[in-house]
N, C-alpha and C. Protein backbone atom coordinates (compact mmCIF):
# COMPACT_ATOMS: atom_id res chain seq x y z
N MET A 1 136.72 103.10 116.42
CA MET A 1 135.65 102.13 116.22
C MET A 1 135.15 102.29 114.79
N GLU A 2 135.05 101.18 114.10
CA GLU A 2 134.60 101.19 112.72
C GLU A 2 133.07 101.31 112.67
N ALA A 3 132.56 101.74 111.52
CA ALA A 3 131.11 101.99 111.38
C ALA A 3 130.29 100.74 111.70
N HIS A 4 130.72 99.58 111.25
CA HIS A 4 129.94 98.36 111.52
C HIS A 4 130.00 98.00 113.01
N GLU A 5 131.10 98.31 113.68
CA GLU A 5 131.21 98.07 115.12
C GLU A 5 130.26 99.01 115.87
N ARG A 6 130.28 100.26 115.47
CA ARG A 6 129.39 101.25 116.08
C ARG A 6 127.94 100.82 115.95
N GLN A 7 127.54 100.44 114.74
CA GLN A 7 126.15 100.05 114.51
C GLN A 7 125.79 98.81 115.30
N SER A 8 126.71 97.87 115.38
CA SER A 8 126.47 96.63 116.12
C SER A 8 126.24 96.90 117.60
N VAL A 9 127.08 97.72 118.20
CA VAL A 9 126.94 97.98 119.63
C VAL A 9 125.70 98.84 119.91
N VAL A 10 125.40 99.79 119.05
CA VAL A 10 124.18 100.60 119.23
C VAL A 10 122.94 99.71 119.12
N ASP A 11 122.93 98.85 118.12
CA ASP A 11 121.79 97.93 117.97
C ASP A 11 121.63 97.04 119.19
N GLN A 12 122.73 96.52 119.70
CA GLN A 12 122.67 95.64 120.87
C GLN A 12 122.26 96.40 122.13
N LEU A 13 122.73 97.63 122.29
CA LEU A 13 122.30 98.45 123.43
C LEU A 13 120.79 98.68 123.37
N ASP A 14 120.28 99.03 122.19
CA ASP A 14 118.85 99.27 122.04
C ASP A 14 118.04 97.99 122.25
N SER A 15 118.52 96.90 121.68
CA SER A 15 117.81 95.63 121.79
C SER A 15 117.74 95.14 123.24
N SER A 16 118.86 95.19 123.94
CA SER A 16 118.85 94.70 125.33
C SER A 16 118.02 95.63 126.22
N ARG A 17 118.02 96.93 125.92
CA ARG A 17 117.16 97.86 126.67
C ARG A 17 115.70 97.50 126.47
N ASP A 18 115.31 97.29 125.22
CA ASP A 18 113.93 96.96 124.92
C ASP A 18 113.51 95.64 125.56
N HIS A 19 114.39 94.66 125.50
CA HIS A 19 114.08 93.35 126.09
C HIS A 19 113.89 93.48 127.60
N LEU A 20 114.83 94.16 128.24
CA LEU A 20 114.77 94.32 129.69
C LEU A 20 113.54 95.12 130.11
N THR A 21 113.30 96.25 129.49
CA THR A 21 112.16 97.08 129.90
C THR A 21 110.83 96.41 129.57
N GLY A 22 110.79 95.62 128.50
CA GLY A 22 109.58 94.86 128.20
C GLY A 22 109.26 93.84 129.28
N LEU A 23 110.30 93.23 129.85
CA LEU A 23 110.09 92.23 130.90
C LEU A 23 109.62 92.85 132.22
N ILE A 24 109.97 94.09 132.46
CA ILE A 24 109.66 94.69 133.77
C ILE A 24 108.47 95.63 133.74
N ALA A 25 107.93 95.87 132.57
CA ALA A 25 106.78 96.77 132.45
C ALA A 25 105.58 96.23 133.23
N GLY A 26 104.98 97.07 134.03
CA GLY A 26 103.74 96.72 134.72
C GLY A 26 103.87 95.77 135.89
N LEU A 27 105.07 95.54 136.40
CA LEU A 27 105.22 94.64 137.54
C LEU A 27 104.65 95.25 138.81
N SER A 28 104.08 94.41 139.64
CA SER A 28 103.62 94.86 140.96
C SER A 28 104.84 94.97 141.89
N ALA A 29 104.66 95.63 143.01
CA ALA A 29 105.73 95.73 144.00
C ALA A 29 106.14 94.34 144.48
N GLU A 30 105.16 93.46 144.63
CA GLU A 30 105.45 92.09 145.07
C GLU A 30 106.29 91.36 144.03
N GLN A 31 105.98 91.51 142.77
CA GLN A 31 106.76 90.88 141.70
C GLN A 31 108.16 91.48 141.64
N TRP A 32 108.25 92.77 141.82
CA TRP A 32 109.52 93.49 141.79
C TRP A 32 110.48 92.96 142.86
N ARG A 33 109.94 92.61 144.03
CA ARG A 33 110.75 92.18 145.18
C ARG A 33 110.89 90.67 145.30
N PHE A 34 110.15 89.88 144.53
CA PHE A 34 110.18 88.43 144.66
C PHE A 34 111.58 87.88 144.37
N SER A 35 112.05 87.02 145.28
CA SER A 35 113.31 86.31 145.09
C SER A 35 112.99 84.83 144.99
N PRO A 36 113.51 84.14 143.97
CA PRO A 36 113.17 82.73 143.77
C PRO A 36 113.77 81.79 144.82
N ALA A 37 114.79 82.24 145.55
CA ALA A 37 115.41 81.40 146.57
C ALA A 37 116.32 82.26 147.44
N GLU A 38 116.66 81.75 148.58
CA GLU A 38 117.59 82.43 149.48
C GLU A 38 118.89 82.74 148.75
N GLY A 39 119.33 83.98 148.84
CA GLY A 39 120.58 84.37 148.20
C GLY A 39 120.47 84.69 146.72
N ARG A 40 119.28 84.59 146.15
CA ARG A 40 119.08 84.91 144.73
C ARG A 40 118.48 86.30 144.61
N TRP A 41 118.82 86.98 143.56
CA TRP A 41 118.35 88.34 143.36
C TRP A 41 116.90 88.39 142.90
N SER A 42 116.25 89.48 143.27
CA SER A 42 114.92 89.80 142.78
C SER A 42 115.05 90.53 141.44
N ILE A 43 113.92 90.76 140.80
CA ILE A 43 113.93 91.53 139.55
C ILE A 43 114.46 92.94 139.81
N GLY A 44 114.00 93.56 140.89
CA GLY A 44 114.49 94.89 141.23
C GLY A 44 115.99 94.92 141.44
N GLN A 45 116.52 93.90 142.09
CA GLN A 45 117.97 93.85 142.31
C GLN A 45 118.72 93.67 140.99
N CYS A 46 118.16 92.89 140.08
CA CYS A 46 118.79 92.72 138.76
C CYS A 46 118.87 94.06 138.03
N VAL A 47 117.77 94.79 138.01
CA VAL A 47 117.74 96.07 137.30
C VAL A 47 118.67 97.07 137.98
N GLU A 48 118.68 97.07 139.31
CA GLU A 48 119.60 97.98 140.01
C GLU A 48 121.05 97.64 139.67
N HIS A 49 121.39 96.36 139.65
CA HIS A 49 122.74 95.93 139.33
C HIS A 49 123.14 96.38 137.92
N VAL A 50 122.28 96.14 136.94
CA VAL A 50 122.58 96.54 135.57
C VAL A 50 122.83 98.04 135.51
N THR A 51 122.00 98.81 136.19
CA THR A 51 122.14 100.26 136.18
C THR A 51 123.44 100.69 136.85
N ARG A 52 123.74 100.12 138.00
CA ARG A 52 124.98 100.46 138.71
C ARG A 52 126.22 100.13 137.87
N VAL A 53 126.22 98.96 137.25
CA VAL A 53 127.36 98.56 136.43
C VAL A 53 127.52 99.52 135.25
N GLU A 54 126.42 99.84 134.60
CA GLU A 54 126.49 100.71 133.42
C GLU A 54 127.02 102.08 133.78
N LYS A 55 126.54 102.65 134.87
CA LYS A 55 127.03 103.96 135.30
C LYS A 55 128.52 103.91 135.61
N ARG A 56 128.93 102.86 136.30
CA ARG A 56 130.34 102.73 136.71
C ARG A 56 131.24 102.56 135.48
N VAL A 57 130.88 101.66 134.59
CA VAL A 57 131.72 101.41 133.42
C VAL A 57 131.73 102.62 132.49
N PHE A 58 130.59 103.24 132.30
CA PHE A 58 130.53 104.42 131.43
C PHE A 58 131.43 105.51 132.00
N GLY A 59 131.45 105.66 133.32
CA GLY A 59 132.35 106.62 133.96
C GLY A 59 133.81 106.28 133.73
N LEU A 60 134.15 105.00 133.81
CA LEU A 60 135.53 104.57 133.57
C LEU A 60 135.95 104.84 132.13
N ILE A 61 135.05 104.59 131.19
CA ILE A 61 135.36 104.86 129.78
C ILE A 61 135.61 106.35 129.60
N GLY A 62 134.75 107.18 130.17
CA GLY A 62 134.93 108.63 130.05
C GLY A 62 136.26 109.09 130.61
N LYS A 63 136.64 108.58 131.78
CA LYS A 63 137.92 108.95 132.37
C LYS A 63 139.08 108.49 131.51
N LYS A 64 138.98 107.28 130.99
CA LYS A 64 140.05 106.73 130.16
C LYS A 64 140.26 107.59 128.92
N LEU A 65 139.17 108.01 128.28
CA LEU A 65 139.28 108.80 127.06
C LEU A 65 139.78 110.21 127.32
N GLN A 66 139.69 110.68 128.56
CA GLN A 66 140.18 112.02 128.91
C GLN A 66 141.65 112.04 129.29
N GLU A 67 142.25 110.86 129.43
CA GLU A 67 143.66 110.80 129.79
C GLU A 67 144.50 111.49 128.72
N ASN A 68 145.51 112.16 129.17
CA ASN A 68 146.43 112.82 128.23
C ASN A 68 147.51 111.83 127.82
N ASN A 69 147.11 110.84 127.07
CA ASN A 69 148.02 109.82 126.60
C ASN A 69 148.41 110.17 125.17
N PRO A 70 149.63 110.62 124.95
CA PRO A 70 149.99 111.09 123.61
C PRO A 70 149.93 109.99 122.55
N GLU A 71 150.21 108.76 122.91
CA GLU A 71 150.15 107.67 121.94
C GLU A 71 149.44 106.48 122.56
N PRO A 72 148.11 106.49 122.54
CA PRO A 72 147.39 105.35 123.11
C PRO A 72 147.71 104.07 122.34
N ALA A 73 147.62 102.96 123.02
CA ALA A 73 147.89 101.66 122.39
C ALA A 73 146.82 101.35 121.37
N LYS A 74 147.18 100.61 120.36
CA LYS A 74 146.21 100.16 119.37
C LYS A 74 145.86 98.70 119.64
N ALA A 75 144.62 98.38 119.43
CA ALA A 75 144.19 96.99 119.62
C ALA A 75 144.84 96.11 118.55
N THR A 76 145.42 95.04 118.99
CA THR A 76 146.02 94.07 118.08
C THR A 76 144.93 93.14 117.56
N PRO A 77 145.23 92.37 116.52
CA PRO A 77 144.23 91.38 116.06
C PRO A 77 143.83 90.42 117.19
N GLU A 78 144.78 90.06 118.04
CA GLU A 78 144.47 89.18 119.17
C GLU A 78 143.51 89.88 120.15
N GLN A 79 143.74 91.16 120.35
CA GLN A 79 142.88 91.93 121.25
C GLN A 79 141.47 92.02 120.65
N LYS A 80 141.38 92.30 119.36
CA LYS A 80 140.07 92.39 118.70
C LYS A 80 139.33 91.06 118.72
N ALA A 81 140.08 89.97 118.76
CA ALA A 81 139.46 88.64 118.80
C ALA A 81 138.66 88.44 120.08
N LYS A 82 138.92 89.25 121.09
CA LYS A 82 138.16 89.16 122.34
C LYS A 82 136.71 89.58 122.15
N ASP A 83 136.40 90.28 121.06
CA ASP A 83 135.01 90.67 120.79
C ASP A 83 134.11 89.44 120.83
N ALA A 84 134.52 88.39 120.15
CA ALA A 84 133.71 87.17 120.08
C ALA A 84 133.60 86.50 121.44
N GLU A 85 134.66 86.55 122.21
CA GLU A 85 134.65 85.95 123.55
C GLU A 85 133.69 86.71 124.46
N VAL A 86 133.74 88.03 124.39
CA VAL A 86 132.82 88.87 125.17
C VAL A 86 131.38 88.56 124.76
N ALA A 87 131.13 88.51 123.45
CA ALA A 87 129.78 88.26 122.94
C ALA A 87 129.25 86.89 123.35
N ARG A 88 130.14 85.94 123.48
CA ARG A 88 129.72 84.58 123.85
C ARG A 88 129.53 84.43 125.36
N LEU A 89 130.43 84.98 126.15
CA LEU A 89 130.43 84.69 127.58
C LEU A 89 129.57 85.62 128.44
N ILE A 90 129.47 86.89 128.08
CA ILE A 90 128.70 87.81 128.93
C ILE A 90 127.24 87.37 129.09
N PRO A 91 126.52 87.07 128.01
CA PRO A 91 125.10 86.71 128.21
C PRO A 91 124.86 85.27 128.67
N ASP A 92 125.91 84.46 128.76
CA ASP A 92 125.77 83.04 129.08
C ASP A 92 125.41 82.85 130.55
N ARG A 93 124.16 82.49 130.82
CA ARG A 93 123.69 82.30 132.19
C ARG A 93 124.09 80.95 132.77
N SER A 94 124.67 80.07 131.98
CA SER A 94 125.09 78.77 132.51
C SER A 94 126.37 78.90 133.33
N ILE A 95 127.02 80.04 133.22
CA ILE A 95 128.25 80.30 133.97
C ILE A 95 127.93 81.30 135.08
N PRO A 96 127.85 80.83 136.33
CA PRO A 96 127.54 81.76 137.42
C PRO A 96 128.72 82.70 137.67
N ARG A 97 128.38 83.92 138.00
CA ARG A 97 129.41 84.92 138.32
C ARG A 97 128.96 85.71 139.54
N ASN A 98 129.91 86.15 140.31
CA ASN A 98 129.63 87.01 141.44
C ASN A 98 129.97 88.45 141.08
N ALA A 99 129.07 89.34 141.38
CA ALA A 99 129.29 90.76 141.09
C ALA A 99 130.30 91.32 142.08
N PRO A 100 131.16 92.23 141.62
CA PRO A 100 132.07 92.89 142.55
C PRO A 100 131.29 93.81 143.49
N GLU A 101 131.85 94.08 144.62
CA GLU A 101 131.19 94.86 145.67
C GLU A 101 130.54 96.16 145.15
N PRO A 102 131.23 96.98 144.35
CA PRO A 102 130.60 98.24 143.90
C PRO A 102 129.38 98.04 143.01
N ALA A 103 129.21 96.83 142.47
CA ALA A 103 128.10 96.57 141.55
C ALA A 103 126.94 95.84 142.21
N LEU A 104 127.08 95.51 143.48
CA LEU A 104 126.01 94.79 144.17
C LEU A 104 124.81 95.71 144.39
N PRO A 105 123.60 95.18 144.24
CA PRO A 105 122.42 95.99 144.52
C PRO A 105 122.31 96.30 146.00
N THR A 106 121.83 97.48 146.29
CA THR A 106 121.69 97.92 147.69
C THR A 106 120.24 97.88 148.16
N GLY A 107 119.31 97.69 147.23
CA GLY A 107 117.90 97.67 147.60
C GLY A 107 117.35 99.06 147.88
N ALA A 108 117.93 100.06 147.28
CA ALA A 108 117.51 101.44 147.53
C ALA A 108 116.11 101.73 146.97
N TRP A 109 115.63 100.92 146.04
CA TRP A 109 114.32 101.14 145.44
C TRP A 109 113.39 100.01 145.84
N SER A 110 112.28 100.31 146.46
CA SER A 110 111.33 99.27 146.83
C SER A 110 110.37 98.94 145.68
N HIS A 111 110.20 99.87 144.77
CA HIS A 111 109.41 99.64 143.57
C HIS A 111 110.17 100.22 142.39
N GLY A 112 109.84 99.77 141.24
CA GLY A 112 110.68 100.02 140.09
C GLY A 112 110.58 101.32 139.34
N GLY A 113 109.56 102.14 139.55
CA GLY A 113 109.38 103.32 138.71
C GLY A 113 110.61 104.20 138.60
N GLU A 114 111.15 104.63 139.72
CA GLU A 114 112.31 105.51 139.69
C GLU A 114 113.54 104.80 139.15
N LEU A 115 113.71 103.54 139.51
CA LEU A 115 114.87 102.79 139.04
C LEU A 115 114.79 102.55 137.54
N VAL A 116 113.63 102.23 137.04
CA VAL A 116 113.47 102.02 135.60
C VAL A 116 113.81 103.31 134.85
N ALA A 117 113.33 104.44 135.36
CA ALA A 117 113.64 105.73 134.74
C ALA A 117 115.15 105.99 134.77
N ASP A 118 115.79 105.65 135.88
CA ASP A 118 117.24 105.83 135.99
C ASP A 118 117.97 104.92 135.01
N PHE A 119 117.53 103.66 134.90
CA PHE A 119 118.13 102.75 133.93
C PHE A 119 117.98 103.29 132.51
N GLU A 120 116.76 103.73 132.16
CA GLU A 120 116.52 104.22 130.80
C GLU A 120 117.36 105.46 130.50
N LYS A 121 117.48 106.35 131.46
CA LYS A 121 118.31 107.56 131.28
C LYS A 121 119.78 107.17 131.11
N THR A 122 120.23 106.24 131.93
CA THR A 122 121.62 105.77 131.84
C THR A 122 121.88 105.11 130.50
N ARG A 123 120.99 104.22 130.08
CA ARG A 123 121.16 103.52 128.80
C ARG A 123 121.09 104.50 127.64
N GLN A 124 120.22 105.49 127.73
CA GLN A 124 120.12 106.49 126.67
C GLN A 124 121.47 107.21 126.51
N GLY A 125 122.10 107.55 127.63
CA GLY A 125 123.40 108.21 127.58
C GLY A 125 124.48 107.32 126.98
N THR A 126 124.46 106.05 127.35
CA THR A 126 125.43 105.10 126.81
C THR A 126 125.24 104.94 125.31
N ALA A 127 124.00 104.77 124.88
CA ALA A 127 123.72 104.58 123.45
C ALA A 127 124.07 105.84 122.65
N GLU A 128 123.78 107.00 123.20
CA GLU A 128 124.11 108.25 122.51
C GLU A 128 125.63 108.39 122.37
N PHE A 129 126.36 108.04 123.42
CA PHE A 129 127.82 108.05 123.35
C PHE A 129 128.30 107.09 122.26
N ALA A 130 127.76 105.89 122.22
CA ALA A 130 128.16 104.90 121.22
C ALA A 130 127.85 105.40 119.80
N ARG A 131 126.74 106.11 119.64
CA ARG A 131 126.36 106.63 118.32
C ARG A 131 127.28 107.74 117.84
N THR A 132 127.75 108.58 118.79
CA THR A 132 128.40 109.83 118.40
C THR A 132 129.87 109.96 118.77
N SER A 133 130.39 109.09 119.57
CA SER A 133 131.76 109.23 120.04
C SER A 133 132.75 109.26 118.89
N GLN A 134 133.64 110.20 118.96
CA GLN A 134 134.72 110.28 117.97
C GLN A 134 136.02 109.77 118.57
N GLY A 135 135.96 109.32 119.82
CA GLY A 135 137.15 108.81 120.49
C GLY A 135 137.62 107.51 119.85
N ALA A 136 138.91 107.27 119.95
CA ALA A 136 139.51 106.04 119.42
C ALA A 136 139.32 104.93 120.46
N LEU A 137 138.08 104.42 120.53
CA LEU A 137 137.73 103.47 121.59
C LEU A 137 138.57 102.20 121.54
N ARG A 138 139.06 101.83 120.39
CA ARG A 138 139.89 100.64 120.25
C ARG A 138 141.32 100.86 120.76
N HIS A 139 141.63 102.09 121.14
CA HIS A 139 143.00 102.42 121.54
C HIS A 139 143.16 102.58 123.05
N TYR A 140 142.10 102.47 123.79
CA TYR A 140 142.15 102.66 125.24
C TYR A 140 141.62 101.41 125.94
N PHE A 141 142.34 101.00 126.98
CA PHE A 141 142.06 99.72 127.63
C PHE A 141 141.77 99.88 129.11
N ILE A 142 140.86 99.05 129.59
CA ILE A 142 140.48 99.00 131.01
C ILE A 142 140.44 97.52 131.38
N PRO A 143 141.03 97.15 132.52
CA PRO A 143 141.02 95.73 132.89
C PRO A 143 139.62 95.22 133.25
N HIS A 144 139.38 93.97 132.90
CA HIS A 144 138.15 93.27 133.24
C HIS A 144 138.54 92.02 134.02
N ALA A 145 137.79 91.67 135.05
CA ALA A 145 138.14 90.54 135.92
C ALA A 145 138.20 89.22 135.17
N LEU A 146 137.35 89.01 134.19
CA LEU A 146 137.30 87.75 133.46
C LEU A 146 138.17 87.76 132.20
N PHE A 147 138.17 88.85 131.47
CA PHE A 147 138.79 88.91 130.15
C PHE A 147 140.17 89.54 130.11
N GLY A 148 140.62 90.11 131.21
CA GLY A 148 141.87 90.87 131.17
C GLY A 148 141.59 92.23 130.57
N GLU A 149 142.52 92.74 129.80
CA GLU A 149 142.35 94.06 129.20
C GLU A 149 141.30 94.03 128.09
N LEU A 150 140.30 94.90 128.22
CA LEU A 150 139.32 95.11 127.15
C LEU A 150 139.47 96.55 126.67
N ASP A 151 139.33 96.74 125.36
CA ASP A 151 139.33 98.12 124.87
C ASP A 151 137.95 98.72 125.15
N CYS A 152 137.86 100.02 125.01
CA CYS A 152 136.61 100.70 125.38
C CYS A 152 135.43 100.30 124.51
N TYR A 153 135.68 99.93 123.24
CA TYR A 153 134.60 99.39 122.43
C TYR A 153 134.08 98.08 123.03
N GLN A 154 135.00 97.22 123.43
CA GLN A 154 134.61 95.94 124.02
C GLN A 154 133.84 96.14 125.31
N TRP A 155 134.17 97.18 126.05
CA TRP A 155 133.40 97.49 127.26
C TRP A 155 131.96 97.91 126.91
N LEU A 156 131.80 98.68 125.83
CA LEU A 156 130.44 99.04 125.40
C LEU A 156 129.67 97.79 124.97
N LEU A 157 130.34 96.90 124.27
CA LEU A 157 129.72 95.64 123.87
C LEU A 157 129.33 94.84 125.12
N ALA A 158 130.23 94.78 126.09
CA ALA A 158 129.94 94.06 127.33
C ALA A 158 128.73 94.66 128.05
N LEU A 159 128.62 95.99 128.08
CA LEU A 159 127.46 96.62 128.72
C LEU A 159 126.17 96.22 128.04
N SER A 160 126.17 96.22 126.72
CA SER A 160 124.94 95.86 125.99
C SER A 160 124.54 94.42 126.27
N LEU A 161 125.51 93.55 126.36
CA LEU A 161 125.24 92.13 126.59
C LEU A 161 124.96 91.85 128.07
N HIS A 162 125.47 92.67 128.94
CA HIS A 162 125.20 92.54 130.37
C HIS A 162 123.70 92.74 130.63
N GLY A 163 123.10 93.71 129.94
CA GLY A 163 121.66 93.90 130.04
C GLY A 163 120.90 92.67 129.58
N LEU A 164 121.37 92.03 128.52
CA LEU A 164 120.74 90.81 128.02
C LEU A 164 120.89 89.68 129.04
N ARG A 165 122.06 89.56 129.65
CA ARG A 165 122.30 88.52 130.66
C ARG A 165 121.26 88.62 131.77
N HIS A 166 121.02 89.84 132.25
CA HIS A 166 120.09 89.99 133.36
C HIS A 166 118.64 89.99 132.91
N ALA A 167 118.37 90.29 131.65
CA ALA A 167 117.02 90.08 131.12
C ALA A 167 116.70 88.59 131.17
N ARG A 168 117.67 87.77 130.82
CA ARG A 168 117.48 86.32 130.90
C ARG A 168 117.28 85.88 132.34
N GLN A 169 117.99 86.51 133.26
CA GLN A 169 117.81 86.18 134.68
C GLN A 169 116.39 86.55 135.12
N ILE A 170 115.89 87.67 134.65
CA ILE A 170 114.52 88.08 134.99
C ILE A 170 113.52 87.07 134.42
N GLU A 171 113.77 86.56 133.23
CA GLU A 171 112.89 85.51 132.68
C GLU A 171 112.90 84.28 133.59
N GLU A 172 114.06 83.93 134.12
CA GLU A 172 114.16 82.80 135.04
C GLU A 172 113.37 83.07 136.33
N ILE A 173 113.46 84.28 136.84
CA ILE A 173 112.73 84.65 138.06
C ILE A 173 111.23 84.53 137.81
N LYS A 174 110.77 85.05 136.68
CA LYS A 174 109.35 85.01 136.37
C LYS A 174 108.83 83.59 136.19
N ALA A 175 109.72 82.67 135.81
CA ALA A 175 109.32 81.27 135.62
C ALA A 175 109.47 80.43 136.90
N ALA A 176 110.01 81.04 137.95
CA ALA A 176 110.27 80.29 139.18
C ALA A 176 108.98 79.96 139.92
N PRO A 177 108.95 78.81 140.60
CA PRO A 177 107.80 78.48 141.43
C PRO A 177 107.59 79.57 142.49
N GLY A 178 106.35 79.94 142.66
CA GLY A 178 106.01 80.94 143.66
C GLY A 178 106.03 82.37 143.17
N TYR A 179 106.45 82.59 141.90
CA TYR A 179 106.44 83.95 141.38
C TYR A 179 105.02 84.48 141.40
N PRO A 180 104.81 85.65 142.01
CA PRO A 180 103.44 86.19 142.12
C PRO A 180 102.83 86.51 140.76
N LYS A 181 101.64 86.09 140.56
CA LYS A 181 100.91 86.40 139.32
C LYS A 181 100.14 87.69 139.50
N ASN A 182 99.83 88.34 138.41
CA ASN A 182 99.06 89.61 138.49
C ASN A 182 97.66 89.36 139.02
């Protein structure tokens, strides 16, 4: 990963964390659990989903980098061009997507304090890894359901933008009719 790529992903991880945590600060339990419609996620479910995805993907990146692959593949210019596609499509809320089973919220938290702390701890670990990793992130690939093979840098970029996607969803929830006011 080049220095400008590292800085870009770290900045985006920090920015999406700040945006998301700013939106959820001080919510009541009722606001945390409010769902704008049948089958739509609550704010708590959005935060749980983001946290679950980040933990899962970060674990996959760690496993991939530990593989004893004597000659990992190098990202081609075509592969690197997926950066722009990831940056454009991940935060785009006009395209509905269904989360895979392991990433679905379970509702384990009825109020956000513990979950927010877990999200912040998880994001801190991801950002620290992005800041300090010496691994050849552009040389290791993990399949993505929408994009095909993404290199590990692209997965970090996707994680940062995934937080932004769900911050936007939280903004939609807060603007929905019936959202409880303080």
